[in-house]
Amino acid sequence: MNEEEAKKKWCPMVRISIGDSACTNRGDIDKVASIACIASKCMLWRWNPPTVIAVPEGVEEHRTASGYCGLGGRPCVSVLY
């Protein structure tokens, strides 16, 4: 996912306290922006590997602008041949 998509997700690592209630990591992201993912500003953010393309002159490497939360490990990707 790209960073803008990630920033619409809640972060399971964030803990906030609202009033006298216990700390929580759940809530309405629209009301409490501090529980949203901060994407590449987070130590857990992992960038997807670059795309490598073979061209007549050699190999070109294209950096991707997408990544994922490393907390859950690398996402599974289906490859169709």
PDB file of N, CA and C in Angstrom:
ATOM      1  N   MET A   1       0.841  -1.177   0.000  1.00  0.00           N
ATOM      2  CA  MET A   1       0.000   0.000   0.000  1.00  0.00           C
ATOM      3  C   MET A   1       0.876   1.226   0.000  1.00  0.00           C
ATOM      4  N   ASN A   2       0.345   2.318  -0.496  1.00  0.00           N
ATOM      5  CA  ASN A   2       1.142   3.535  -0.461  1.00  0.00           C
ATOM      6  C   ASN A   2       0.966   4.219   0.896  1.00  0.00           C
ATOM      7  N   GLU A   3       1.733   5.262   1.142  1.00  0.00           N
ATOM      8  CA  GLU A   3       1.720   5.901   2.462  1.00  0.00           C
ATOM      9  C   GLU A   3       0.380   6.551   2.789  1.00  0.00           C
ATOM     10  N   GLU A   4      -0.278   7.119   1.790  1.00  0.00           N
ATOM     11  CA  GLU A   4      -1.579   7.760   2.050  1.00  0.00           C
ATOM     12  C   GLU A   4      -2.621   6.729   2.473  1.00  0.00           C
ATOM     13  N   GLU A   5      -2.587   5.529   1.885  1.00  0.00           N
ATOM     14  CA  GLU A   5      -3.487   4.455   2.293  1.00  0.00           C
ATOM     15  C   GLU A   5      -3.175   4.009   3.716  1.00  0.00           C
ATOM     16  N   ALA A   6      -1.884   3.895   4.032  1.00  0.00           N
ATOM     17  CA  ALA A   6      -1.463   3.462   5.367  1.00  0.00           C
ATOM     18  C   ALA A   6      -1.923   4.441   6.441  1.00  0.00           C
ATOM     19  N   LYS A   7      -1.860   5.732   6.142  1.00  0.00           N
ATOM     20  CA  LYS A   7      -2.224   6.747   7.127  1.00  0.00           C
ATOM     21  C   LYS A   7      -3.703   6.739   7.478  1.00  0.00           C
ATOM     22  N   LYS A   8      -4.505   5.969   6.743  1.00  0.00           N
ATOM     23  CA  LYS A   8      -5.939   5.823   7.046  1.00  0.00           C
ATOM     24  C   LYS A   8      -6.204   4.604   7.927  1.00  0.00           C
ATOM     25  N   LYS A   9      -5.170   3.877   8.269  1.00  0.00           N
ATOM     26  CA  LYS A   9      -5.282   2.679   9.121  1.00  0.00           C
ATOM     27  C   LYS A   9      -4.885   3.027  10.546  1.00  0.00           C
ATOM     28  N   TRP A  10      -5.421   2.279  11.512  1.00  0.00           N
ATOM     29  CA  TRP A  10      -5.009   2.509  12.900  1.00  0.00           C
ATOM     30  C   TRP A  10      -3.775   1.673  13.189  1.00  0.00           C
ATOM     31  N   CYS A  11      -2.955   2.151  14.076  1.00  0.00           N
ATOM     32  CA  CYS A  11      -1.715   1.475  14.441  1.00  0.00           C
ATOM     33  C   CYS A  11      -1.946   0.644  15.700  1.00  0.00           C
ATOM     34  N   PRO A  12      -1.647  -0.653  15.661  1.00  0.00           N
ATOM     35  CA  PRO A  12      -1.831  -1.491  16.844  1.00  0.00           C
ATOM     36  C   PRO A  12      -0.815  -1.234  17.949  1.00  0.00           C
ATOM     37  N   MET A  13       0.227  -0.458  17.664  1.00  0.00           N
ATOM     38  CA  MET A  13       1.258  -0.183  18.661  1.00  0.00           C
ATOM     39  C   MET A  13       0.959   1.051  19.507  1.00  0.00           C
ATOM     40  N   VAL A  14       0.079   1.922  19.046  1.00  0.00           N
ATOM     41  CA  VAL A  14      -0.207   3.175  19.748  1.00  0.00           C
ATOM     42  C   VAL A  14      -1.073   2.899  20.968  1.00  0.00           C
ATOM     43  N   ARG A  15      -0.750   3.548  22.065  1.00  0.00           N
ATOM     44  CA  ARG A  15      -1.556   3.476  23.287  1.00  0.00           C
ATOM     45  C   ARG A  15      -1.875   4.894  23.708  1.00  0.00           C
ATOM     46  N   ILE A  16      -3.151   5.189  23.889  1.00  0.00           N
ATOM     47  CA  ILE A  16      -3.563   6.517  24.326  1.00  0.00           C
ATOM     48  C   ILE A  16      -4.485   6.379  25.533  1.00  0.00           C
ATOM     49  N   SER A  17      -4.570   7.410  26.292  1.00  0.00           N
ATOM     50  CA  SER A  17      -5.449   7.438  27.451  1.00  0.00           C
ATOM     51  C   SER A  17      -6.425   8.586  27.269  1.00  0.00           C
ATOM     52  N   ILE A  18      -7.707   8.271  27.363  1.00  0.00           N
ATOM     53  CA  ILE A  18      -8.746   9.290  27.226  1.00  0.00           C
ATOM     54  C   ILE A  18      -9.409   9.463  28.591  1.00  0.00           C
ATOM     55  N   GLY A  19      -9.141  10.583  29.218  1.00  0.00           N
ATOM     56  CA  GLY A  19      -9.690  10.831  30.551  1.00  0.00           C
ATOM     57  C   GLY A  19      -9.154   9.841  31.562  1.00  0.00           C
ATOM     58  N   ASP A  20     -10.056   9.290  32.371  1.00  0.00           N
ATOM     59  CA  ASP A  20      -9.666   8.328  33.398  1.00  0.00           C
ATOM     60  C   ASP A  20      -9.699   6.888  32.898  1.00  0.00           C
ATOM     61  N   SER A  21     -10.002   6.701  31.619  1.00  0.00           N
ATOM     62  CA  SER A  21     -10.108   5.342  31.084  1.00  0.00           C
ATOM     63  C   SER A  21      -8.724   4.715  30.915  1.00  0.00           C
ATOM     64  N   ALA A  22      -8.730   3.422  30.750  1.00  0.00           N
ATOM     65  CA  ALA A  22      -7.475   2.698  30.555  1.00  0.00           C
ATOM     66  C   ALA A  22      -6.894   3.030  29.186  1.00  0.00           C
ATOM     67  N   CYS A  23      -5.630   2.778  29.029  1.00  0.00           N
ATOM     68  CA  CYS A  23      -4.998   3.015  27.735  1.00  0.00           C
ATOM     69  C   CYS A  23      -5.575   2.057  26.704  1.00  0.00           C
ATOM     70  N   THR A  24      -5.749   2.546  25.502  1.00  0.00           N
ATOM     71  CA  THR A  24      -6.332   1.740  24.444  1.00  0.00           C
ATOM     72  C   THR A  24      -5.619   2.001  23.136  1.00  0.00           C
ATOM     73  N   ASN A  25      -5.780   1.092  22.202  1.00  0.00           N
ATOM     74  CA  ASN A  25      -5.233   1.319  20.871  1.00  0.00           C
ATOM     75  C   ASN A  25      -6.345   1.317  19.836  1.00  0.00           C
ATOM     76  N   ARG A  26      -7.560   1.378  20.269  1.00  0.00           N
ATOM     77  CA  ARG A  26      -8.694   1.387  19.346  1.00  0.00           C
ATOM     78  C   ARG A  26      -9.447   2.691  19.470  1.00  0.00           C
ATOM     79  N   GLY A  27     -10.168   2.996  18.448  1.00  0.00           N
ATOM     80  CA  GLY A  27     -10.958   4.215  18.483  1.00  0.00           C
ATOM     81  C   GLY A  27     -11.286   4.700  17.099  1.00  0.00           C
ATOM     82  N   ASP A  28     -11.891   5.836  17.024  1.00  0.00           N
ATOM     83  CA  ASP A  28     -12.295   6.427  15.774  1.00  0.00           C
ATOM     84  C   ASP A  28     -11.148   7.290  15.256  1.00  0.00           C
ATOM     85  N   ILE A  29     -10.517   6.865  14.175  1.00  0.00           N
ATOM     86  CA  ILE A  29      -9.356   7.575  13.643  1.00  0.00           C
ATOM     87  C   ILE A  29      -9.716   9.012  13.282  1.00  0.00           C
ATOM     88  N   ASP A  30     -10.935   9.238  12.815  1.00  0.00           N
ATOM     89  CA  ASP A  30     -11.335  10.596  12.451  1.00  0.00           C
ATOM     90  C   ASP A  30     -11.331  11.526  13.658  1.00  0.00           C
ATOM     91  N   LYS A  31     -11.615  10.985  14.835  1.00  0.00           N
ATOM     92  CA  LYS A  31     -11.672  11.814  16.040  1.00  0.00           C
ATOM     93  C   LYS A  31     -10.340  11.876  16.778  1.00  0.00           C
ATOM     94  N   VAL A  32      -9.565  10.804  16.697  1.00  0.00           N
ATOM     95  CA  VAL A  32      -8.286  10.739  17.404  1.00  0.00           C
ATOM     96  C   VAL A  32      -7.205  10.391  16.388  1.00  0.00           C
ATOM     97  N   ALA A  33      -6.657  11.390  15.739  1.00  0.00           N
ATOM     98  CA  ALA A  33      -5.683  11.168  14.667  1.00  0.00           C
ATOM     99  C   ALA A  33      -4.400  10.522  15.181  1.00  0.00           C
ATOM    100  N   SER A  34      -4.132  10.615  16.470  1.00  0.00           N
ATOM    101  CA  SER A  34      -2.876  10.101  17.002  1.00  0.00           C
ATOM    102  C   SER A  34      -2.791   8.583  16.998  1.00  0.00           C
ATOM    103  N   ILE A  35      -3.873   7.865  16.663  1.00  0.00           N
ATOM    104  CA  ILE A  35      -3.786   6.410  16.601  1.00  0.00           C
ATOM    105  C   ILE A  35      -3.587   5.918  15.177  1.00  0.00           C
ATOM    106  N   ALA A  36      -3.520   6.835  14.229  1.00  0.00           N
ATOM    107  CA  ALA A  36      -3.340   6.448  12.839  1.00  0.00           C
ATOM    108  C   ALA A  36      -1.886   6.087  12.551  1.00  0.00           C
ATOM    109  N   CYS A  37      -1.698   5.263  11.546  1.00  0.00           N
ATOM    110  CA  CYS A  37      -0.365   4.877  11.086  1.00  0.00           C
ATOM    111  C   CYS A  37       0.399   6.120  10.624  1.00  0.00           C
ATOM    112  N   ILE A  38       1.685   6.151  10.895  1.00  0.00           N
ATOM    113  CA  ILE A  38       2.519   7.262  10.430  1.00  0.00           C
ATOM    114  C   ILE A  38       3.424   6.812   9.283  1.00  0.00           C
ATOM    115  N   ALA A  39       3.158   5.646   8.763  1.00  0.00           N
ATOM    116  CA  ALA A  39       3.818   5.101   7.567  1.00  0.00           C
ATOM    117  C   ALA A  39       5.339   5.133   7.670  1.00  0.00           C
ATOM    118  N   SER A  40       6.018   5.744   6.721  1.00  0.00           N
ATOM    119  CA  SER A  40       7.482   5.657   6.672  1.00  0.00           C
ATOM    120  C   SER A  40       8.177   6.373   7.824  1.00  0.00           C
ATOM    121  N   LYS A  41       7.442   7.108   8.630  1.00  0.00           N
ATOM    122  CA  LYS A  41       8.041   7.740   9.815  1.00  0.00           C
ATOM    123  C   LYS A  41       8.145   6.755  10.987  1.00  0.00           C
ATOM    124  N   CYS A  42       7.631   5.562  10.798  1.00  0.00           N
ATOM    125  CA  CYS A  42       7.619   4.531  11.841  1.00  0.00           C
ATOM    126  C   CYS A  42       8.814   3.588  11.662  1.00  0.00           C
ATOM    127  N   MET A  43       9.384   3.142  12.771  1.00  0.00           N
ATOM    128  CA  MET A  43      10.500   2.202  12.730  1.00  0.00           C
ATOM    129  C   MET A  43      10.095   0.844  12.152  1.00  0.00           C
ATOM    130  N   LEU A  44       8.798   0.510  12.193  1.00  0.00           N
ATOM    131  CA  LEU A  44       8.330  -0.777  11.681  1.00  0.00           C
ATOM    132  C   LEU A  44       8.027  -0.759  10.184  1.00  0.00           C
ATOM    133  N   TRP A  45       7.958   0.424   9.566  1.00  0.00           N
ATOM    134  CA  TRP A  45       7.611   0.523   8.146  1.00  0.00           C
ATOM    135  C   TRP A  45       8.702  -0.136   7.294  1.00  0.00           C
ATOM    136  N   ARG A  46       8.262  -0.925   6.335  1.00  0.00           N
ATOM    137  CA  ARG A  46       9.181  -1.586   5.416  1.00  0.00           C
ATOM    138  C   ARG A  46       8.773  -1.230   3.991  1.00  0.00           C
ATOM    139  N   TRP A  47       9.742  -0.820   3.191  1.00  0.00           N
ATOM    140  CA  TRP A  47       9.484  -0.519   1.784  1.00  0.00           C
ATOM    141  C   TRP A  47       9.467  -1.812   0.998  1.00  0.00           C
ATOM    142  N   ASN A  48       8.586  -1.882  -0.012  1.00  0.00           N
ATOM    143  CA  ASN A  48       8.613  -3.023  -0.922  1.00  0.00           C
ATOM    144  C   ASN A  48       9.908  -2.959  -1.723  1.00  0.00           C
ATOM    145  N   PRO A  49      10.428  -4.115  -2.117  1.00  0.00           N
ATOM    146  CA  PRO A  49      11.687  -4.106  -2.877  1.00  0.00           C
ATOM    147  C   PRO A  49      11.489  -3.436  -4.239  1.00  0.00           C
ATOM    148  N   PRO A  50      12.570  -2.880  -4.796  1.00  0.00           N
ATOM    149  CA  PRO A  50      12.460  -2.247  -6.106  1.00  0.00           C
ATOM    150  C   PRO A  50      12.172  -3.264  -7.201  1.00  0.00           C
ATOM    151  N   THR A  51      11.579  -2.792  -8.273  1.00  0.00           N
ATOM    152  CA  THR A  51      11.321  -3.631  -9.434  1.00  0.00           C
ATOM    153  C   THR A  51      12.563  -3.604 -10.316  1.00  0.00           C
ATOM    154  N   VAL A  52      13.010  -4.780 -10.705  1.00  0.00           N
ATOM    155  CA  VAL A  52      14.190  -4.879 -11.559  1.00  0.00           C
ATOM    156  C   VAL A  52      13.723  -5.283 -12.954  1.00  0.00           C
ATOM    157  N   ILE A  53      14.133  -4.502 -13.942  1.00  0.00           N
ATOM    158  CA  ILE A  53      13.715  -4.744 -15.316  1.00  0.00           C
ATOM    159  C   ILE A  53      14.958  -4.921 -16.182  1.00  0.00           C
ATOM    160  N   ALA A  54      14.978  -6.002 -16.963  1.00  0.00           N
ATOM    161  CA  ALA A  54      16.086  -6.234 -17.889  1.00  0.00           C
ATOM    162  C   ALA A  54      15.813  -5.447 -19.164  1.00  0.00           C
ATOM    163  N   VAL A  55      16.769  -4.651 -19.568  1.00  0.00           N
ATOM    164  CA  VAL A  55      16.673  -3.873 -20.802  1.00  0.00           C
ATOM    165  C   VAL A  55      17.911  -4.176 -21.639  1.00  0.00           C
ATOM    166  N   PRO A  56      17.884  -3.861 -22.949  1.00  0.00           N
ATOM    167  CA  PRO A  56      19.043  -4.183 -23.795  1.00  0.00           C
ATOM    168  C   PRO A  56      20.374  -3.646 -23.275  1.00  0.00           C
ATOM    169  N   GLU A  57      20.361  -2.505 -22.605  1.00  0.00           N
ATOM    170  CA  GLU A  57      21.606  -1.912 -22.115  1.00  0.00           C
ATOM    171  C   GLU A  57      22.062  -2.502 -20.776  1.00  0.00           C
ATOM    172  N   GLY A  58      21.250  -3.350 -20.176  1.00  0.00           N
ATOM    173  CA  GLY A  58      21.602  -3.908 -18.867  1.00  0.00           C
ATOM    174  C   GLY A  58      20.366  -4.122 -18.009  1.00  0.00           C
ATOM    175  N   VAL A  59      20.424  -3.616 -16.793  1.00  0.00           N
ATOM    176  CA  VAL A  59      19.327  -3.794 -15.844  1.00  0.00           C
ATOM    177  C   VAL A  59      18.949  -2.437 -15.269  1.00  0.00           C
ATOM    178  N   GLU A  60      17.656  -2.168 -15.200  1.00  0.00           N
ATOM    179  CA  GLU A  60      17.162  -0.948 -14.581  1.00  0.00           C
ATOM    180  C   GLU A  60      16.441  -1.305 -13.293  1.00  0.00           C
ATOM    181  N   GLU A  61      16.658  -0.510 -12.285  1.00  0.00           N
ATOM    182  CA  GLU A  61      15.996  -0.730 -11.001  1.00  0.00           C
ATOM    183  C   GLU A  61      15.074   0.453 -10.734  1.00  0.00           C
ATOM    184  N   HIS A  62      13.812   0.165 -10.499  1.00  0.00           N
ATOM    185  CA  HIS A  62      12.827   1.209 -10.250  1.00  0.00           C
ATOM    186  C   HIS A  62      12.354   1.116  -8.808  1.00  0.00           C
ATOM    187  N   ARG A  63      12.571   2.182  -8.053  1.00  0.00           N
ATOM    188  CA  ARG A  63      12.140   2.241  -6.648  1.00  0.00           C
ATOM    189  C   ARG A  63      10.619   2.293  -6.592  1.00  0.00           C
ATOM    190  N   THR A  64      10.062   1.564  -5.672  1.00  0.00           N
ATOM    191  CA  THR A  64       8.616   1.560  -5.503  1.00  0.00           C
ATOM    192  C   THR A  64       8.225   2.560  -4.434  1.00  0.00           C
ATOM    193  N   ALA A  65       7.026   3.092  -4.538  1.00  0.00           N
ATOM    194  CA  ALA A  65       6.537   4.056  -3.547  1.00  0.00           C
ATOM    195  C   ALA A  65       5.531   3.391  -2.624  1.00  0.00           C
ATOM    196  N   SER A  66       5.659   2.085  -2.461  1.00  0.00           N
ATOM    197  CA  SER A  66       4.723   1.390  -1.581  1.00  0.00           C
ATOM    198  C   SER A  66       5.480   0.572  -0.551  1.00  0.00           C
ATOM    199  N   GLY A  67       4.798   0.233   0.519  1.00  0.00           N
ATOM    200  CA  GLY A  67       5.418  -0.524   1.591  1.00  0.00           C
ATOM    201  C   GLY A  67       4.350  -1.188   2.449  1.00  0.00           C
ATOM    202  N   TYR A  68       4.732  -1.535   3.677  1.00  0.00           N
ATOM    203  CA  TYR A  68       3.820  -2.234   4.573  1.00  0.00           C
ATOM    204  C   TYR A  68       4.331  -2.122   6.003  1.00  0.00           C
ATOM    205  N   CYS A  69       3.461  -2.435   6.946  1.00  0.00           N
ATOM    206  CA  CYS A  69       3.846  -2.460   8.349  1.00  0.00           C
ATOM    207  C   CYS A  69       4.620  -3.744   8.602  1.00  0.00           C
ATOM    208  N   GLY A  70       5.817  -3.624   9.093  1.00  0.00           N
ATOM    209  CA  GLY A  70       6.643  -4.791   9.349  1.00  0.00           C
ATOM    210  C   GLY A  70       6.244  -5.570  10.592  1.00  0.00           C
ATOM    211  N   LEU A  71       5.282  -5.055  11.364  1.00  0.00           N
ATOM    212  CA  LEU A  71       4.859  -5.727  12.588  1.00  0.00           C
ATOM    213  C   LEU A  71       4.345  -7.132  12.315  1.00  0.00           C
ATOM    214  N   GLY A  72       3.608  -7.294  11.229  1.00  0.00           N
ATOM    215  CA  GLY A  72       3.029  -8.599  10.907  1.00  0.00           C
ATOM    216  C   GLY A  72       3.886  -9.436   9.986  1.00  0.00           C
ATOM    217  N   GLY A  73       5.080  -8.979   9.686  1.00  0.00           N
ATOM    218  CA  GLY A  73       5.932  -9.703   8.753  1.00  0.00           C
ATOM    219  C   GLY A  73       5.628  -9.299   7.322  1.00  0.00           C
ATOM    220  N   ARG A  74       6.360  -9.843   6.418  1.00  0.00           N
ATOM    221  CA  ARG A  74       6.186  -9.511   5.000  1.00  0.00           C
ATOM    222  C   ARG A  74       4.877 -10.093   4.492  1.00  0.00           C
ATOM    223  N   PRO A  75       4.062  -9.296   3.778  1.00  0.00           N
ATOM    224  CA  PRO A  75       2.800  -9.812   3.269  1.00  0.00           C
ATOM    225  C   PRO A  75       3.021 -10.857   2.173  1.00  0.00           C
ATOM    226  N   CYS A  76       2.123 -11.813   2.085  1.00  0.00           N
ATOM    227  CA  CYS A  76       2.189 -12.829   1.039  1.00  0.00           C
ATOM    228  C   CYS A  76       1.703 -12.210  -0.267  1.00  0.00           C
ATOM    229  N   VAL A  77       2.368 -12.517  -1.336  1.00  0.00           N
ATOM    230  CA  VAL A  77       2.000 -12.006  -2.649  1.00  0.00           C
ATOM    231  C   VAL A  77       1.833 -13.183  -3.583  1.00  0.00           C
ATOM    232  N   SER A  78       0.684 -13.253  -4.227  1.00  0.00           N
ATOM    233  CA  SER A  78       0.461 -14.308  -5.214  1.00  0.00           C
ATOM    234  C   SER A  78       1.095 -13.899  -6.525  1.00  0.00           C
ATOM    235  N   VAL A  79       1.771 -14.815  -7.144  1.00  0.00           N
ATOM    236  CA  VAL A  79       2.383 -14.553  -8.445  1.00  0.00           C
ATOM    237  C   VAL A  79       1.720 -15.466  -9.460  1.00  0.00           C
ATOM    238  N   LEU A  80       1.182 -14.864 -10.492  1.00  0.00           N
ATOM    239  CA  LEU A  80       0.543 -15.634 -11.558  1.00  0.00           C
ATOM    240  C   LEU A  80       1.497 -15.721 -12.746  1.00  0.00           C
ATOM    241  N   TYR A  81       1.647 -16.906 -13.277  1.00  0.00           N
ATOM    242  CA  TYR A  81       2.512 -17.095 -14.451  1.00  0.00           C
ATOM    243  C   TYR A  81       1.658 -17.404 -15.640  1.00  0.00           C
TER     244      TYR A  81
END
